[in-house]
Amino acid sequence: MQWQFQNPYCLFVRTSVRRERYSVFKELAASVAYAYRQHSSRVPWSAYATVAGPSLQAFILVPLENLRDIDSVTSMERVMVDVYGDTGRQTMAQFQDCVLDMGVSVLNRISPESAPSPRTEPPQFLYYANLDVRPAYVSAFVESVGGGAVLDAQNPFTLFGTFAGQTRLHGFMAGNSLADLAAAEPIQRRFISGLASEGEAPVSMQHSDALLASETSILRYIGHQGA
Protein backbone atom coordinates (compact mmCIF):
# COMPACT_ATOMS: atom_id res chain seq x y z
CA MET A 1 0.00 0.00 0.00
CA GLN A 2 1.03 3.61 -0.37
CA TRP A 3 1.54 5.54 2.83
CA GLN A 4 -1.32 7.82 3.96
CA PHE A 5 -0.06 11.17 2.66
CA GLN A 6 -0.63 9.96 -0.89
CA ASN A 7 -4.29 9.30 -0.01
CA PRO A 8 -6.97 11.96 -0.55
CA TYR A 9 -8.31 11.58 3.02
CA CYS A 10 -6.93 10.73 6.44
CA LEU A 11 -8.60 9.86 9.75
CA PHE A 12 -6.55 11.81 12.29
CA VAL A 13 -6.71 10.96 16.01
CA ARG A 14 -4.95 13.27 18.46
CA THR A 15 -4.59 12.28 22.12
CA SER A 16 -3.20 14.34 25.02
CA VAL A 17 -1.72 12.19 27.78
CA ARG A 18 -1.51 12.82 31.52
CA ARG A 19 2.15 13.45 32.29
CA GLU A 20 2.13 11.36 35.47
CA ARG A 21 0.53 8.45 33.59
CA TYR A 22 2.66 8.55 30.46
CA SER A 23 4.67 5.41 31.19
CA VAL A 24 1.44 3.47 31.89
CA PHE A 25 -0.10 4.92 28.73
CA LYS A 26 2.77 3.59 26.62
CA GLU A 27 2.29 0.08 28.00
CA LEU A 28 -1.47 0.17 27.43
CA ALA A 29 -1.04 1.65 23.95
CA ALA A 30 1.12 -1.35 23.06
CA SER A 31 -1.78 -3.62 24.08
CA VAL A 32 -4.16 -1.59 21.92
CA ALA A 33 -1.79 -1.73 18.94
CA TYR A 34 -1.41 -5.49 19.32
CA ALA A 35 -5.22 -5.88 19.40
CA TYR A 36 -5.57 -3.96 16.13
CA ARG A 37 -2.89 -6.16 14.54
CA GLN A 38 -4.81 -9.27 15.57
CA HIS A 39 -8.27 -8.00 14.65
CA SER A 40 -9.95 -9.20 11.46
CA SER A 41 -10.62 -5.65 10.22
CA ARG A 42 -6.89 -5.11 9.44
CA VAL A 43 -7.26 -1.35 9.00
CA PRO A 44 -3.93 0.29 8.06
CA TRP A 45 -2.63 2.95 10.45
CA SER A 46 0.49 4.70 11.68
CA ALA A 47 1.15 6.09 15.17
CA TYR A 48 3.41 8.94 16.28
CA ALA A 49 4.31 10.57 19.61
CA THR A 50 5.59 14.03 20.46
CA VAL A 51 9.36 14.55 20.55
CA ALA A 52 9.09 18.33 20.73
CA GLY A 53 5.88 20.29 21.03
CA PRO A 54 3.34 21.83 23.37
CA SER A 55 2.49 18.69 25.38
CA LEU A 56 2.71 14.91 25.61
CA GLN A 57 0.59 13.74 22.72
CA ALA A 58 0.05 10.65 20.60
CA PHE A 59 -1.27 10.73 17.03
CA ILE A 60 -2.84 8.01 14.90
CA LEU A 61 -3.21 8.44 11.14
CA VAL A 62 -5.46 6.15 9.13
CA PRO A 63 -5.28 6.53 5.33
CA LEU A 64 -8.62 6.73 3.51
CA GLU A 65 -9.00 6.34 -0.24
CA ASN A 66 -12.68 7.27 -0.02
CA LEU A 67 -14.86 8.70 2.73
CA ARG A 68 -16.87 5.48 2.78
CA ASP A 69 -13.70 3.75 4.04
CA ILE A 70 -14.53 5.23 7.46
CA ASP A 71 -17.18 2.52 7.78
CA SER A 72 -14.41 -0.09 7.88
CA VAL A 73 -12.61 1.56 10.82
CA THR A 74 -13.62 -0.48 13.86
CA SER A 75 -13.87 1.36 17.19
CA MET A 76 -11.14 0.82 19.78
CA GLU A 77 -13.61 -0.55 22.31
CA ARG A 78 -14.95 -3.11 19.81
CA VAL A 79 -11.43 -4.23 18.86
CA MET A 80 -10.34 -4.58 22.50
CA VAL A 81 -13.40 -6.66 23.40
CA ASP A 82 -13.14 -8.83 20.29
CA VAL A 83 -9.48 -9.64 20.97
CA TYR A 84 -9.26 -9.64 24.79
CA GLY A 85 -12.85 -10.25 25.91
CA ASP A 86 -13.79 -8.77 29.31
CA THR A 87 -10.13 -8.02 30.00
CA GLY A 88 -10.26 -5.67 27.02
CA ARG A 89 -12.91 -3.55 28.75
CA GLN A 90 -10.69 -3.22 31.81
CA THR A 91 -7.70 -2.27 29.67
CA MET A 92 -9.83 0.33 27.86
CA ALA A 93 -10.86 1.89 31.19
CA GLN A 94 -7.21 2.12 32.28
CA PHE A 95 -6.25 3.57 28.89
CA GLN A 96 -8.96 6.23 29.08
CA ASP A 97 -7.80 7.18 32.59
CA CYS A 98 -4.42 8.12 31.11
CA VAL A 99 -5.96 10.44 28.53
CA LEU A 100 -6.68 14.12 29.15
CA ASP A 101 -8.31 14.75 25.79
CA MET A 102 -8.92 12.94 22.52
CA GLY A 103 -10.03 14.47 19.23
CA VAL A 104 -10.89 12.77 15.94
CA SER A 105 -10.93 14.58 12.58
CA VAL A 106 -11.23 13.61 8.94
CA LEU A 107 -8.65 15.47 6.85
CA ASN A 108 -8.79 16.09 3.10
CA ARG A 109 -5.54 16.56 1.21
CA ILE A 110 -5.19 19.92 -0.52
CA SER A 111 -1.54 19.81 -1.62
CA PRO A 112 -0.87 19.42 -5.36
CA GLU A 113 -1.00 15.86 -6.60
CA SER A 114 2.64 16.06 -7.68
CA ALA A 115 3.96 17.15 -4.28
CA PRO A 116 4.51 13.96 -2.22
CA SER A 117 7.13 11.41 -3.19
CA PRO A 118 5.64 7.87 -3.13
CA ARG A 119 6.32 5.96 0.09
CA THR A 120 5.34 2.44 1.07
CA GLU A 121 6.45 2.77 4.72
CA PRO A 122 5.96 5.54 7.28
CA PRO A 123 8.91 7.88 7.90
CA GLN A 124 10.57 7.88 11.31
CA PHE A 125 9.81 11.55 11.99
CA LEU A 126 7.21 14.17 11.07
CA TYR A 127 7.24 17.92 11.34
CA TYR A 128 3.60 18.81 12.10
CA ALA A 129 1.98 22.25 11.87
CA ASN A 130 -1.56 22.85 13.15
CA LEU A 131 -2.67 26.15 11.58
CA ASP A 132 -5.70 28.25 12.53
CA VAL A 133 -6.49 30.36 9.45
CA ARG A 134 -9.26 32.91 8.95
CA PRO A 135 -11.90 31.23 6.73
CA ALA A 136 -11.98 34.13 4.25
CA TYR A 137 -8.22 33.82 3.65
CA VAL A 138 -7.86 30.04 3.38
CA SER A 139 -7.51 29.91 -0.41
CA ALA A 140 -4.86 32.64 -0.52
CA PHE A 141 -2.99 31.12 2.42
CA VAL A 142 -2.97 27.65 0.85
CA GLU A 143 -1.68 29.09 -2.43
CA SER A 144 1.06 30.97 -0.57
CA VAL A 145 2.19 28.02 1.54
CA GLY A 146 1.79 25.61 -1.36
CA GLY A 147 4.25 27.64 -3.38
CA GLY A 148 6.80 27.45 -0.58
CA ALA A 149 6.17 23.77 0.00
CA VAL A 150 7.79 22.78 -3.28
CA LEU A 151 11.09 24.49 -2.42
CA ASP A 152 12.40 21.04 -1.54
CA ALA A 153 10.83 18.57 -3.95
CA GLN A 154 12.56 15.64 -2.22
CA ASN A 155 11.00 16.47 1.13
CA PRO A 156 7.71 18.28 0.47
CA PHE A 157 5.37 19.92 2.94
CA THR A 158 1.95 18.30 2.52
CA LEU A 159 -1.19 20.27 3.44
CA PHE A 160 -4.52 18.88 4.58
CA GLY A 161 -7.76 20.71 5.28
CA THR A 162 -10.41 19.57 7.74
CA PHE A 163 -13.37 17.77 6.20
CA ALA A 164 -14.86 16.97 9.64
CA GLY A 165 -13.64 18.13 13.05
CA GLN A 166 -12.04 21.28 14.41
CA THR A 167 -11.45 23.56 11.42
CA ARG A 168 -7.71 23.77 10.87
CA LEU A 169 -5.09 23.41 8.18
CA HIS A 170 -2.65 20.59 8.91
CA GLY A 171 0.84 20.56 7.43
CA PHE A 172 3.21 17.58 7.51
CA MET A 173 6.81 17.15 6.43
CA ALA A 174 8.29 13.64 6.56
CA GLY A 175 11.85 12.68 7.42
CA ASN A 176 13.83 9.53 8.08
CA SER A 177 15.94 11.47 10.60
CA LEU A 178 15.58 14.64 12.63
CA ALA A 179 18.13 16.26 10.34
CA ASP A 180 15.74 15.77 7.40
CA LEU A 181 13.22 18.05 9.12
CA ALA A 182 15.62 20.99 8.78
CA ALA A 183 13.97 21.40 5.37
CA ALA A 184 10.90 22.71 7.24
CA GLU A 185 12.81 25.72 8.59
CA PRO A 186 12.31 28.09 5.62
CA ILE A 187 8.63 27.15 5.46
CA GLN A 188 8.19 27.62 9.21
CA ARG A 189 10.06 30.92 9.15
CA ARG A 190 8.41 32.46 6.14
CA PHE A 191 4.89 31.06 6.04
CA ILE A 192 4.17 30.40 9.73
CA SER A 193 6.27 32.97 11.58
CA GLY A 194 6.06 35.52 8.74
CA LEU A 195 9.79 36.30 8.91
CA ALA A 196 12.02 36.97 5.95
CA SER A 197 15.64 35.95 5.51
CA GLU A 198 18.19 38.54 4.42
CA GLY A 199 17.40 39.69 0.91
CA GLU A 200 13.98 38.04 0.94
CA ALA A 201 10.68 39.92 0.85
CA PRO A 202 8.41 39.34 3.88
CA VAL A 203 5.11 37.56 3.42
CA SER A 204 2.21 39.70 2.28
CA MET A 205 0.02 41.55 4.78
CA GLN A 206 -2.90 39.42 3.62
CA HIS A 207 -0.96 36.29 4.51
CA SER A 208 -0.03 37.72 7.93
CA ASP A 209 -3.66 38.59 8.62
CA ALA A 210 -4.79 35.12 7.55
CA LEU A 211 -2.93 33.13 10.22
CA LEU A 212 -4.60 33.47 13.61
CA ALA A 213 -2.50 30.92 15.50
CA SER A 214 -0.13 28.04 14.86
CA GLU A 215 1.19 25.06 16.79
CA THR A 216 4.20 23.12 15.55
CA SER A 217 5.58 19.80 16.78
CA ILE A 218 8.13 17.15 15.91
CA LEU A 219 6.66 13.66 16.03
CA ARG A 220 8.42 10.29 16.24
CA TYR A 221 7.10 7.08 14.69
CA ILE A 222 5.99 4.52 17.30
CA GLY A 223 3.94 1.93 15.40
CA HIS A 224 2.35 0.86 12.16
CA GLN A 225 0.00 -1.65 10.58
CA GLY A 226 -0.15 -2.13 6.85
CA ALA A 227 -3.17 -3.17 4.83
C-alpha atoms as a PDB file:
ATOM      1  CA  MET A   1       0.000   0.000   0.000  1.00  0.00           C
ATOM      2  CA  GLN A   2       1.030   3.610  -0.372  1.00  0.00           C
ATOM      3  CA  TRP A   3       1.539   5.538   2.826  1.00  0.00           C
ATOM      4  CA  GLN A   4      -1.325   7.819   3.956  1.00  0.00           C
ATOM      5  CA  PHE A   5      -0.062  11.167   2.661  1.00  0.00           C
ATOM      6  CA  GLN A   6      -0.634   9.957  -0.891  1.00  0.00           C
ATOM      7  CA  ASN A   7      -4.286   9.296  -0.014  1.00  0.00           C
ATOM      8  CA  PRO A   8      -6.969  11.962  -0.550  1.00  0.00           C
ATOM      9  CA  TYR A   9      -8.309  11.582   3.017  1.00  0.00           C
ATOM     10  CA  CYS A  10      -6.930  10.726   6.439  1.00  0.00           C
ATOM     11  CA  LEU A  11      -8.604   9.865   9.747  1.00  0.00           C
ATOM     12  CA  PHE A  12      -6.553  11.813  12.291  1.00  0.00           C
ATOM     13  CA  VAL A  13      -6.712  10.960  16.011  1.00  0.00           C
ATOM     14  CA  ARG A  14      -4.951  13.271  18.458  1.00  0.00           C
ATOM     15  CA  THR A  15      -4.591  12.280  22.119  1.00  0.00           C
ATOM     16  CA  SER A  16      -3.203  14.344  25.018  1.00  0.00           C
ATOM     17  CA  VAL A  17      -1.720  12.195  27.782  1.00  0.00           C
ATOM     18  CA  ARG A  18      -1.514  12.820  31.525  1.00  0.00           C
ATOM     19  CA  ARG A  19       2.154  13.451  32.293  1.00  0.00           C
ATOM     20  CA  GLU A  20       2.130  11.357  35.469  1.00  0.00           C
ATOM     21  CA  ARG A  21       0.528   8.449  33.592  1.00  0.00           C
ATOM     22  CA  TYR A  22       2.656   8.550  30.461  1.00  0.00           C
ATOM     23  CA  SER A  23       4.668   5.405  31.189  1.00  0.00           C
ATOM     24  CA  VAL A  24       1.443   3.469  31.888  1.00  0.00           C
ATOM     25  CA  PHE A  25      -0.102   4.919  28.734  1.00  0.00           C
ATOM     26  CA  LYS A  26       2.770   3.588  26.618  1.00  0.00           C
ATOM     27  CA  GLU A  27       2.287   0.076  28.002  1.00  0.00           C
ATOM     28  CA  LEU A  28      -1.468   0.169  27.434  1.00  0.00           C
ATOM     29  CA  ALA A  29      -1.036   1.653  23.950  1.00  0.00           C
ATOM     30  CA  ALA A  30       1.123  -1.348  23.061  1.00  0.00           C
ATOM     31  CA  SER A  31      -1.777  -3.621  24.076  1.00  0.00           C
ATOM     32  CA  VAL A  32      -4.165  -1.592  21.924  1.00  0.00           C
ATOM     33  CA  ALA A  33      -1.789  -1.730  18.936  1.00  0.00           C
ATOM     34  CA  TYR A  34      -1.414  -5.494  19.325  1.00  0.00           C
ATOM     35  CA  ALA A  35      -5.215  -5.880  19.403  1.00  0.00           C
ATOM     36  CA  TYR A  36      -5.566  -3.962  16.129  1.00  0.00           C
ATOM     37  CA  ARG A  37      -2.891  -6.157  14.540  1.00  0.00           C
ATOM     38  CA  GLN A  38      -4.809  -9.273  15.565  1.00  0.00           C
ATOM     39  CA  HIS A  39      -8.270  -8.001  14.650  1.00  0.00           C
ATOM     40  CA  SER A  40      -9.950  -9.195  11.463  1.00  0.00           C
ATOM     41  CA  SER A  41     -10.618  -5.651  10.217  1.00  0.00           C
ATOM     42  CA  ARG A  42      -6.894  -5.105   9.439  1.00  0.00           C
ATOM     43  CA  VAL A  43      -7.264  -1.349   9.004  1.00  0.00           C
ATOM     44  CA  PRO A  44      -3.925   0.286   8.057  1.00  0.00           C
ATOM     45  CA  TRP A  45      -2.629   2.949  10.447  1.00  0.00           C
ATOM     46  CA  SER A  46       0.493   4.702  11.678  1.00  0.00           C
ATOM     47  CA  ALA A  47       1.146   6.092  15.171  1.00  0.00           C
ATOM     48  CA  TYR A  48       3.412   8.937  16.284  1.00  0.00           C
ATOM     49  CA  ALA A  49       4.307  10.571  19.607  1.00  0.00           C
ATOM     50  CA  THR A  50       5.591  14.032  20.464  1.00  0.00           C
ATOM     51  CA  VAL A  51       9.358  14.549  20.547  1.00  0.00           C
ATOM     52  CA  ALA A  52       9.094  18.329  20.733  1.00  0.00           C
ATOM     53  CA  GLY A  53       5.879  20.291  21.033  1.00  0.00           C
ATOM     54  CA  PRO A  54       3.338  21.829  23.373  1.00  0.00           C
ATOM     55  CA  SER A  55       2.492  18.690  25.384  1.00  0.00           C
ATOM     56  CA  LEU A  56       2.714  14.910  25.610  1.00  0.00           C
ATOM     57  CA  GLN A  57       0.592  13.739  22.717  1.00  0.00           C
ATOM     58  CA  ALA A  58       0.048  10.648  20.599  1.00  0.00           C
ATOM     59  CA  PHE A  59      -1.268  10.730  17.033  1.00  0.00           C
ATOM     60  CA  ILE A  60      -2.844   8.014  14.902  1.00  0.00           C
ATOM     61  CA  LEU A  61      -3.210   8.444  11.142  1.00  0.00           C
ATOM     62  CA  VAL A  62      -5.465   6.152   9.129  1.00  0.00           C
ATOM     63  CA  PRO A  63      -5.281   6.533   5.328  1.00  0.00           C
ATOM     64  CA  LEU A  64      -8.616   6.728   3.507  1.00  0.00           C
ATOM     65  CA  GLU A  65      -8.995   6.343  -0.241  1.00  0.00           C
ATOM     66  CA  ASN A  66     -12.683   7.271  -0.018  1.00  0.00           C
ATOM     67  CA  LEU A  67     -14.861   8.702   2.727  1.00  0.00           C
ATOM     68  CA  ARG A  68     -16.871   5.480   2.779  1.00  0.00           C
ATOM     69  CA  ASP A  69     -13.703   3.745   4.045  1.00  0.00           C
ATOM     70  CA  ILE A  70     -14.529   5.234   7.458  1.00  0.00           C
ATOM     71  CA  ASP A  71     -17.184   2.521   7.777  1.00  0.00           C
ATOM     72  CA  SER A  72     -14.407  -0.091   7.878  1.00  0.00           C
ATOM     73  CA  VAL A  73     -12.613   1.565  10.817  1.00  0.00           C
ATOM     74  CA  THR A  74     -13.620  -0.482  13.861  1.00  0.00           C
ATOM     75  CA  SER A  75     -13.867   1.361  17.190  1.00  0.00           C
ATOM     76  CA  MET A  76     -11.139   0.821  19.778  1.00  0.00           C
ATOM     77  CA  GLU A  77     -13.609  -0.547  22.310  1.00  0.00           C
ATOM     78  CA  ARG A  78     -14.948  -3.105  19.808  1.00  0.00           C
ATOM     79  CA  VAL A  79     -11.435  -4.225  18.863  1.00  0.00           C
ATOM     80  CA  MET A  80     -10.340  -4.583  22.503  1.00  0.00           C
ATOM     81  CA  VAL A  81     -13.404  -6.664  23.399  1.00  0.00           C
ATOM     82  CA  ASP A  82     -13.136  -8.833  20.292  1.00  0.00           C
ATOM     83  CA  VAL A  83      -9.481  -9.644  20.969  1.00  0.00           C
ATOM     84  CA  TYR A  84      -9.263  -9.642  24.788  1.00  0.00           C
ATOM     85  CA  GLY A  85     -12.851 -10.246  25.915  1.00  0.00           C
ATOM     86  CA  ASP A  86     -13.790  -8.768  29.309  1.00  0.00           C
ATOM     87  CA  THR A  87     -10.126  -8.018  30.001  1.00  0.00           C
ATOM     88  CA  GLY A  88     -10.257  -5.671  27.024  1.00  0.00           C
ATOM     89  CA  ARG A  89     -12.906  -3.552  28.753  1.00  0.00           C
ATOM     90  CA  GLN A  90     -10.688  -3.216  31.810  1.00  0.00           C
ATOM     91  CA  THR A  91      -7.702  -2.271  29.667  1.00  0.00           C
ATOM     92  CA  MET A  92      -9.827   0.329  27.861  1.00  0.00           C
ATOM     93  CA  ALA A  93     -10.861   1.888  31.191  1.00  0.00           C
ATOM     94  CA  GLN A  94      -7.212   2.116  32.278  1.00  0.00           C
ATOM     95  CA  PHE A  95      -6.249   3.566  28.885  1.00  0.00           C
ATOM     96  CA  GLN A  96      -8.960   6.231  29.084  1.00  0.00           C
ATOM     97  CA  ASP A  97      -7.803   7.178  32.595  1.00  0.00           C
ATOM     98  CA  CYS A  98      -4.417   8.117  31.108  1.00  0.00           C
ATOM     99  CA  VAL A  99      -5.964  10.442  28.533  1.00  0.00           C
ATOM    100  CA  LEU A 100      -6.676  14.118  29.152  1.00  0.00           C
ATOM    101  CA  ASP A 101      -8.310  14.752  25.793  1.00  0.00           C
ATOM    102  CA  MET A 102      -8.923  12.935  22.518  1.00  0.00           C
ATOM    103  CA  GLY A 103     -10.032  14.465  19.234  1.00  0.00           C
ATOM    104  CA  VAL A 104     -10.893  12.768  15.940  1.00  0.00           C
ATOM    105  CA  SER A 105     -10.932  14.576  12.584  1.00  0.00           C
ATOM    106  CA  VAL A 106     -11.230  13.612   8.939  1.00  0.00           C
ATOM    107  CA  LEU A 107      -8.652  15.466   6.845  1.00  0.00           C
ATOM    108  CA  ASN A 108      -8.786  16.088   3.103  1.00  0.00           C
ATOM    109  CA  ARG A 109      -5.544  16.564   1.213  1.00  0.00           C
ATOM    110  CA  ILE A 110      -5.187  19.922  -0.515  1.00  0.00           C
ATOM    111  CA  SER A 111      -1.539  19.814  -1.620  1.00  0.00           C
ATOM    112  CA  PRO A 112      -0.867  19.424  -5.356  1.00  0.00           C
ATOM    113  CA  GLU A 113      -1.004  15.858  -6.597  1.00  0.00           C
ATOM    114  CA  SER A 114       2.641  16.056  -7.676  1.00  0.00           C
ATOM    115  CA  ALA A 115       3.965  17.147  -4.275  1.00  0.00           C
ATOM    116  CA  PRO A 116       4.506  13.959  -2.224  1.00  0.00           C
ATOM    117  CA  SER A 117       7.125  11.411  -3.188  1.00  0.00           C
ATOM    118  CA  PRO A 118       5.644   7.874  -3.130  1.00  0.00           C
ATOM    119  CA  ARG A 119       6.316   5.955   0.089  1.00  0.00           C
ATOM    120  CA  THR A 120       5.337   2.442   1.067  1.00  0.00           C
ATOM    121  CA  GLU A 121       6.455   2.767   4.718  1.00  0.00           C
ATOM    122  CA  PRO A 122       5.957   5.538   7.277  1.00  0.00           C
ATOM    123  CA  PRO A 123       8.909   7.883   7.904  1.00  0.00           C
ATOM    124  CA  GLN A 124      10.568   7.877  11.311  1.00  0.00           C
ATOM    125  CA  PHE A 125       9.807  11.554  11.989  1.00  0.00           C
ATOM    126  CA  LEU A 126       7.206  14.166  11.073  1.00  0.00           C
ATOM    127  CA  TYR A 127       7.236  17.919  11.341  1.00  0.00           C
ATOM    128  CA  TYR A 128       3.603  18.808  12.099  1.00  0.00           C
ATOM    129  CA  ALA A 129       1.981  22.246  11.870  1.00  0.00           C
ATOM    130  CA  ASN A 130      -1.561  22.855  13.147  1.00  0.00           C
ATOM    131  CA  LEU A 131      -2.673  26.154  11.582  1.00  0.00           C
ATOM    132  CA  ASP A 132      -5.698  28.247  12.526  1.00  0.00           C
ATOM    133  CA  VAL A 133      -6.486  30.358   9.447  1.00  0.00           C
ATOM    134  CA  ARG A 134      -9.262  32.913   8.946  1.00  0.00           C
ATOM    135  CA  PRO A 135     -11.896  31.230   6.730  1.00  0.00           C
ATOM    136  CA  ALA A 136     -11.979  34.127   4.248  1.00  0.00           C
ATOM    137  CA  TYR A 137      -8.219  33.819   3.648  1.00  0.00           C
ATOM    138  CA  VAL A 138      -7.865  30.038   3.384  1.00  0.00           C
ATOM    139  CA  SER A 139      -7.511  29.910  -0.415  1.00  0.00           C
ATOM    140  CA  ALA A 140      -4.859  32.635  -0.520  1.00  0.00           C
ATOM    141  CA  PHE A 141      -2.994  31.119   2.421  1.00  0.00           C
ATOM    142  CA  VAL A 142      -2.968  27.649   0.850  1.00  0.00           C
ATOM    143  CA  GLU A 143      -1.680  29.094  -2.426  1.00  0.00           C
ATOM    144  CA  SER A 144       1.062  30.972  -0.571  1.00  0.00           C
ATOM    145  CA  VAL A 145       2.185  28.023   1.540  1.00  0.00           C
ATOM    146  CA  GLY A 146       1.788  25.614  -1.362  1.00  0.00           C
ATOM    147  CA  GLY A 147       4.250  27.639  -3.383  1.00  0.00           C
ATOM    148  CA  GLY A 148       6.797  27.447  -0.579  1.00  0.00           C
ATOM    149  CA  ALA A 149       6.171  23.772  -0.003  1.00  0.00           C
ATOM    150  CA  VAL A 150       7.792  22.781  -3.278  1.00  0.00           C
ATOM    151  CA  LEU A 151      11.086  24.494  -2.416  1.00  0.00           C
ATOM    152  CA  ASP A 152      12.403  21.042  -1.541  1.00  0.00           C
ATOM    153  CA  ALA A 153      10.828  18.574  -3.951  1.00  0.00           C
ATOM    154  CA  GLN A 154      12.557  15.643  -2.222  1.00  0.00           C
ATOM    155  CA  ASN A 155      11.000  16.466   1.134  1.00  0.00           C
ATOM    156  CA  PRO A 156       7.705  18.282   0.471  1.00  0.00           C
ATOM    157  CA  PHE A 157       5.371  19.921   2.945  1.00  0.00           C
ATOM    158  CA  THR A 158       1.947  18.299   2.516  1.00  0.00           C
ATOM    159  CA  LEU A 159      -1.185  20.269   3.438  1.00  0.00           C
ATOM    160  CA  PHE A 160      -4.520  18.877   4.583  1.00  0.00           C
ATOM    161  CA  GLY A 161      -7.760  20.711   5.276  1.00  0.00           C
ATOM    162  CA  THR A 162     -10.411  19.566   7.739  1.00  0.00           C
ATOM    163  CA  PHE A 163     -13.367  17.772   6.204  1.00  0.00           C
ATOM    164  CA  ALA A 164     -14.856  16.975   9.640  1.00  0.00           C
ATOM    165  CA  GLY A 165     -13.645  18.129  13.052  1.00  0.00           C
ATOM    166  CA  GLN A 166     -12.038  21.279  14.409  1.00  0.00           C
ATOM    167  CA  THR A 167     -11.455  23.565  11.425  1.00  0.00           C
ATOM    168  CA  ARG A 168      -7.708  23.768  10.872  1.00  0.00           C
ATOM    169  CA  LEU A 169      -5.086  23.410   8.183  1.00  0.00           C
ATOM    170  CA  HIS A 170      -2.652  20.587   8.912  1.00  0.00           C
ATOM    171  CA  GLY A 171       0.841  20.564   7.430  1.00  0.00           C
ATOM    172  CA  PHE A 172       3.210  17.584   7.507  1.00  0.00           C
ATOM    173  CA  MET A 173       6.813  17.146   6.430  1.00  0.00           C
ATOM    174  CA  ALA A 174       8.287  13.641   6.559  1.00  0.00           C
ATOM    175  CA  GLY A 175      11.848  12.684   7.418  1.00  0.00           C
ATOM    176  CA  ASN A 176      13.826   9.533   8.076  1.00  0.00           C
ATOM    177  CA  SER A 177      15.945  11.466  10.601  1.00  0.00           C
ATOM    178  CA  LEU A 178      15.585  14.641  12.635  1.00  0.00           C
ATOM    179  CA  ALA A 179      18.130  16.260  10.335  1.00  0.00           C
ATOM    180  CA  ASP A 180      15.737  15.774   7.395  1.00  0.00           C
ATOM    181  CA  LEU A 181      13.221  18.050   9.116  1.00  0.00           C
ATOM    182  CA  ALA A 182      15.617  20.989   8.781  1.00  0.00           C
ATOM    183  CA  ALA A 183      13.969  21.399   5.372  1.00  0.00           C
ATOM    184  CA  ALA A 184      10.903  22.707   7.243  1.00  0.00           C
ATOM    185  CA  GLU A 185      12.812  25.721   8.590  1.00  0.00           C
ATOM    186  CA  PRO A 186      12.312  28.090   5.618  1.00  0.00           C
ATOM    187  CA  ILE A 187       8.628  27.147   5.462  1.00  0.00           C
ATOM    188  CA  GLN A 188       8.192  27.617   9.206  1.00  0.00           C
ATOM    189  CA  ARG A 189      10.064  30.917   9.153  1.00  0.00           C
ATOM    190  CA  ARG A 190       8.408  32.460   6.141  1.00  0.00           C
ATOM    191  CA  PHE A 191       4.891  31.064   6.040  1.00  0.00           C
ATOM    192  CA  ILE A 192       4.167  30.397   9.731  1.00  0.00           C
ATOM    193  CA  SER A 193       6.273  32.972  11.579  1.00  0.00           C
ATOM    194  CA  GLY A 194       6.060  35.523   8.737  1.00  0.00           C
ATOM    195  CA  LEU A 195       9.788  36.298   8.909  1.00  0.00           C
ATOM    196  CA  ALA A 196      12.024  36.970   5.948  1.00  0.00           C
ATOM    197  CA  SER A 197      15.640  35.947   5.508  1.00  0.00           C
ATOM    198  CA  GLU A 198      18.190  38.537   4.420  1.00  0.00           C
ATOM    199  CA  GLY A 199      17.401  39.688   0.910  1.00  0.00           C
ATOM    200  CA  GLU A 200      13.980  38.036   0.938  1.00  0.00           C
ATOM    201  CA  ALA A 201      10.685  39.919   0.852  1.00  0.00           C
ATOM    202  CA  PRO A 202       8.406  39.339   3.877  1.00  0.00           C
ATOM    203  CA  VAL A 203       5.106  37.562   3.417  1.00  0.00           C
ATOM    204  CA  SER A 204       2.205  39.704   2.284  1.00  0.00           C
ATOM    205  CA  MET A 205       0.023  41.550   4.777  1.00  0.00           C
ATOM    206  CA  GLN A 206      -2.901  39.418   3.616  1.00  0.00           C
ATOM    207  CA  HIS A 207      -0.962  36.295   4.512  1.00  0.00           C
ATOM    208  CA  SER A 208      -0.032  37.722   7.929  1.00  0.00           C
ATOM    209  CA  ASP A 209      -3.665  38.586   8.616  1.00  0.00           C
ATOM    210  CA  ALA A 210      -4.793  35.122   7.549  1.00  0.00           C
ATOM    211  CA  LEU A 211      -2.934  33.129  10.222  1.00  0.00           C
ATOM    212  CA  LEU A 212      -4.600  33.472  13.614  1.00  0.00           C
ATOM    213  CA  ALA A 213      -2.499  30.922  15.500  1.00  0.00           C
ATOM    214  CA  SER A 214      -0.127  28.040  14.862  1.00  0.00           C
ATOM    215  CA  GLU A 215       1.192  25.059  16.788  1.00  0.00           C
ATOM    216  CA  THR A 216       4.199  23.121  15.555  1.00  0.00           C
ATOM    217  CA  SER A 217       5.577  19.800  16.779  1.00  0.00           C
ATOM    218  CA  ILE A 218       8.127  17.152  15.908  1.00  0.00           C
ATOM    219  CA  LEU A 219       6.660  13.659  16.028  1.00  0.00           C
ATOM    220  CA  ARG A 220       8.417  10.286  16.241  1.00  0.00           C
ATOM    221  CA  TYR A 221       7.100   7.080  14.694  1.00  0.00           C
ATOM    222  CA  ILE A 222       5.986   4.522  17.300  1.00  0.00           C
ATOM    223  CA  GLY A 223       3.939   1.929  15.402  1.00  0.00           C
ATOM    224  CA  HIS A 224       2.347   0.857  12.155  1.00  0.00           C
ATOM    225  CA  GLN A 225       0.001  -1.648  10.580  1.00  0.00           C
ATOM    226  CA  GLY A 226      -0.148  -2.135   6.849  1.00  0.00           C
ATOM    227  CA  ALA A 227      -3.174  -3.167   4.830  1.00  0.00           C
END
